[in-house]
Amino acid sequence: GTFNTPVQGLYKFSVSYGDDRSGPEGIIVKKNGDHVFDIEGASYSWMFSLDKDDTITLFNVANINFGRRGDDGIMHLYFTGQLI
């Protein structure tokens, strides 16, 4: 997922992901294309002070096909960003 900031300010982000039967595989968080940190848990929240038109992108390390049923169950990814 990608979040584009409409205005400058402090933003709170949350992500939750995994499947019906097992834990998550790993997500990389990028700001304007630059690697910022990795998420290893099933859910995580953080805040960034951002400028207008900055982008926050989640990169799926394991190339998991979210939203589809496979051998490991249904994968889900919830990603939100909001201006504080």
C-alpha atoms as a PDB file:
ATOM      1  CA  GLY A   1       0.000   0.000   0.000  1.00  0.00           C
ATOM      2  CA  THR A   2       0.980   3.597  -0.528  1.00  0.00           C
ATOM      3  CA  PHE A   3      -0.141   6.654   1.430  1.00  0.00           C
ATOM      4  CA  ASN A   4       0.267  10.142  -0.083  1.00  0.00           C
ATOM      5  CA  THR A   5       0.180  13.087   2.319  1.00  0.00           C
ATOM      6  CA  PRO A   6      -2.226  15.818   1.194  1.00  0.00           C
ATOM      7  CA  VAL A   7      -0.847  18.432   3.649  1.00  0.00           C
ATOM      8  CA  GLN A   8       2.177  18.916   5.918  1.00  0.00           C
ATOM      9  CA  GLY A   9       1.752  17.632   9.471  1.00  0.00           C
ATOM     10  CA  LEU A  10       2.127  14.817  11.979  1.00  0.00           C
ATOM     11  CA  TYR A  11       0.687  11.516  10.731  1.00  0.00           C
ATOM     12  CA  LYS A  12      -0.089   8.296  12.574  1.00  0.00           C
ATOM     13  CA  PHE A  13       0.143   5.031  10.629  1.00  0.00           C
ATOM     14  CA  SER A  14      -1.048   1.542  11.520  1.00  0.00           C
ATOM     15  CA  VAL A  15      -0.558  -1.774   9.773  1.00  0.00           C
ATOM     16  CA  SER A  16      -1.882  -5.243  10.541  1.00  0.00           C
ATOM     17  CA  TYR A  17      -1.233  -8.292   8.401  1.00  0.00           C
ATOM     18  CA  GLY A  18      -1.048 -12.080   8.415  1.00  0.00           C
ATOM     19  CA  ASP A  19      -3.220 -15.032   7.498  1.00  0.00           C
ATOM     20  CA  ASP A  20      -5.698 -17.489   8.958  1.00  0.00           C
ATOM     21  CA  ARG A  21      -3.085 -19.954  10.222  1.00  0.00           C
ATOM     22  CA  SER A  22       0.402 -18.467  10.509  1.00  0.00           C
ATOM     23  CA  GLY A  23       2.306 -15.313  11.371  1.00  0.00           C
ATOM     24  CA  PRO A  24       3.461 -12.525   9.080  1.00  0.00           C
ATOM     25  CA  GLU A  25       6.403 -12.679   6.702  1.00  0.00           C
ATOM     26  CA  GLY A  26       7.739  -9.122   6.926  1.00  0.00           C
ATOM     27  CA  ILE A  27       7.044  -5.652   5.570  1.00  0.00           C
ATOM     28  CA  ILE A  28       9.483  -2.836   4.711  1.00  0.00           C
ATOM     29  CA  VAL A  29       8.363   0.768   5.281  1.00  0.00           C
ATOM     30  CA  LYS A  30       9.683   3.335   2.798  1.00  0.00           C
ATOM     31  CA  LYS A  31       9.401   7.127   2.906  1.00  0.00           C
ATOM     32  CA  ASN A  32       9.695   8.777  -0.508  1.00  0.00           C
ATOM     33  CA  GLY A  33      11.321   5.588  -1.795  1.00  0.00           C
ATOM     34  CA  ASP A  34      13.943   5.341   0.975  1.00  0.00           C
ATOM     35  CA  HIS A  35      13.984   2.367   3.372  1.00  0.00           C
ATOM     36  CA  VAL A  36      13.080   3.561   6.884  1.00  0.00           C
ATOM     37  CA  PHE A  37      12.449   0.395   8.919  1.00  0.00           C
ATOM     38  CA  ASP A  38      11.159  -3.203   8.846  1.00  0.00           C
ATOM     39  CA  ILE A  39       8.002  -4.513  10.482  1.00  0.00           C
ATOM     40  CA  GLU A  40       8.245  -8.071  11.801  1.00  0.00           C
ATOM     41  CA  GLY A  41       5.153  -8.295  14.024  1.00  0.00           C
ATOM     42  CA  ALA A  42       1.529  -8.889  13.081  1.00  0.00           C
ATOM     43  CA  SER A  43       0.577  -5.285  13.856  1.00  0.00           C
ATOM     44  CA  TYR A  44       2.463  -2.056  14.294  1.00  0.00           C
ATOM     45  CA  SER A  45       1.818   1.706  14.660  1.00  0.00           C
ATOM     46  CA  TRP A  46       4.150   4.688  14.248  1.00  0.00           C
ATOM     47  CA  MET A  47       4.178   8.443  13.620  1.00  0.00           C
ATOM     48  CA  PHE A  48       6.015  10.606  11.077  1.00  0.00           C
ATOM     49  CA  SER A  49       6.259  14.351  10.635  1.00  0.00           C
ATOM     50  CA  LEU A  50       5.711  14.701   6.883  1.00  0.00           C
ATOM     51  CA  ASP A  51       5.643  17.356   4.184  1.00  0.00           C
ATOM     52  CA  LYS A  52       2.906  17.778   1.598  1.00  0.00           C
ATOM     53  CA  ASP A  53       3.173  15.152  -1.184  1.00  0.00           C
ATOM     54  CA  ASP A  54       5.435  12.789   0.805  1.00  0.00           C
ATOM     55  CA  THR A  55       4.687   9.092   0.255  1.00  0.00           C
ATOM     56  CA  ILE A  56       4.771   6.199   2.705  1.00  0.00           C
ATOM     57  CA  THR A  57       4.929   2.821   0.980  1.00  0.00           C
ATOM     58  CA  LEU A  58       4.765  -0.703   2.364  1.00  0.00           C
ATOM     59  CA  PHE A  59       6.911  -3.240   0.522  1.00  0.00           C
ATOM     60  CA  ASN A  60       5.860  -6.873   0.805  1.00  0.00           C
ATOM     61  CA  VAL A  61       9.151  -8.743   1.447  1.00  0.00           C
ATOM     62  CA  ALA A  62       7.742 -12.204   0.737  1.00  0.00           C
ATOM     63  CA  ASN A  63       5.584 -11.128  -2.262  1.00  0.00           C
ATOM     64  CA  ILE A  64       2.511 -12.464  -0.474  1.00  0.00           C
ATOM     65  CA  ASN A  65      -0.675 -12.307  -2.530  1.00  0.00           C
ATOM     66  CA  PHE A  66      -2.889 -10.473  -0.013  1.00  0.00           C
ATOM     67  CA  GLY A  67      -6.645 -10.931  -0.273  1.00  0.00           C
ATOM     68  CA  ARG A  68      -6.512 -14.373  -1.881  1.00  0.00           C
ATOM     69  CA  ARG A  69      -6.990 -17.833  -0.467  1.00  0.00           C
ATOM     70  CA  GLY A  70      -3.991 -20.101  -0.808  1.00  0.00           C
ATOM     71  CA  ASP A  71      -2.531 -23.097   0.957  1.00  0.00           C
ATOM     72  CA  ASP A  72      -1.862 -20.946   4.039  1.00  0.00           C
ATOM     73  CA  GLY A  73      -5.351 -19.404   4.241  1.00  0.00           C
ATOM     74  CA  ILE A  74      -6.633 -15.938   3.428  1.00  0.00           C
ATOM     75  CA  MET A  75      -3.956 -13.247   3.679  1.00  0.00           C
ATOM     76  CA  HIS A  76      -4.958  -9.785   4.886  1.00  0.00           C
ATOM     77  CA  LEU A  77      -3.293  -6.394   5.065  1.00  0.00           C
ATOM     78  CA  TYR A  78      -4.808  -3.341   6.751  1.00  0.00           C
ATOM     79  CA  PHE A  79      -2.874  -0.075   6.323  1.00  0.00           C
ATOM     80  CA  THR A  80      -4.132   3.307   7.541  1.00  0.00           C
ATOM     81  CA  GLY A  81      -2.694   6.780   7.800  1.00  0.00           C
ATOM     82  CA  GLN A  82      -4.246   9.822   9.422  1.00  0.00           C
ATOM     83  CA  LEU A  83      -3.346  13.412  10.153  1.00  0.00           C
ATOM     84  CA  ILE A  84      -3.035  14.019  13.908  1.00  0.00           C
END
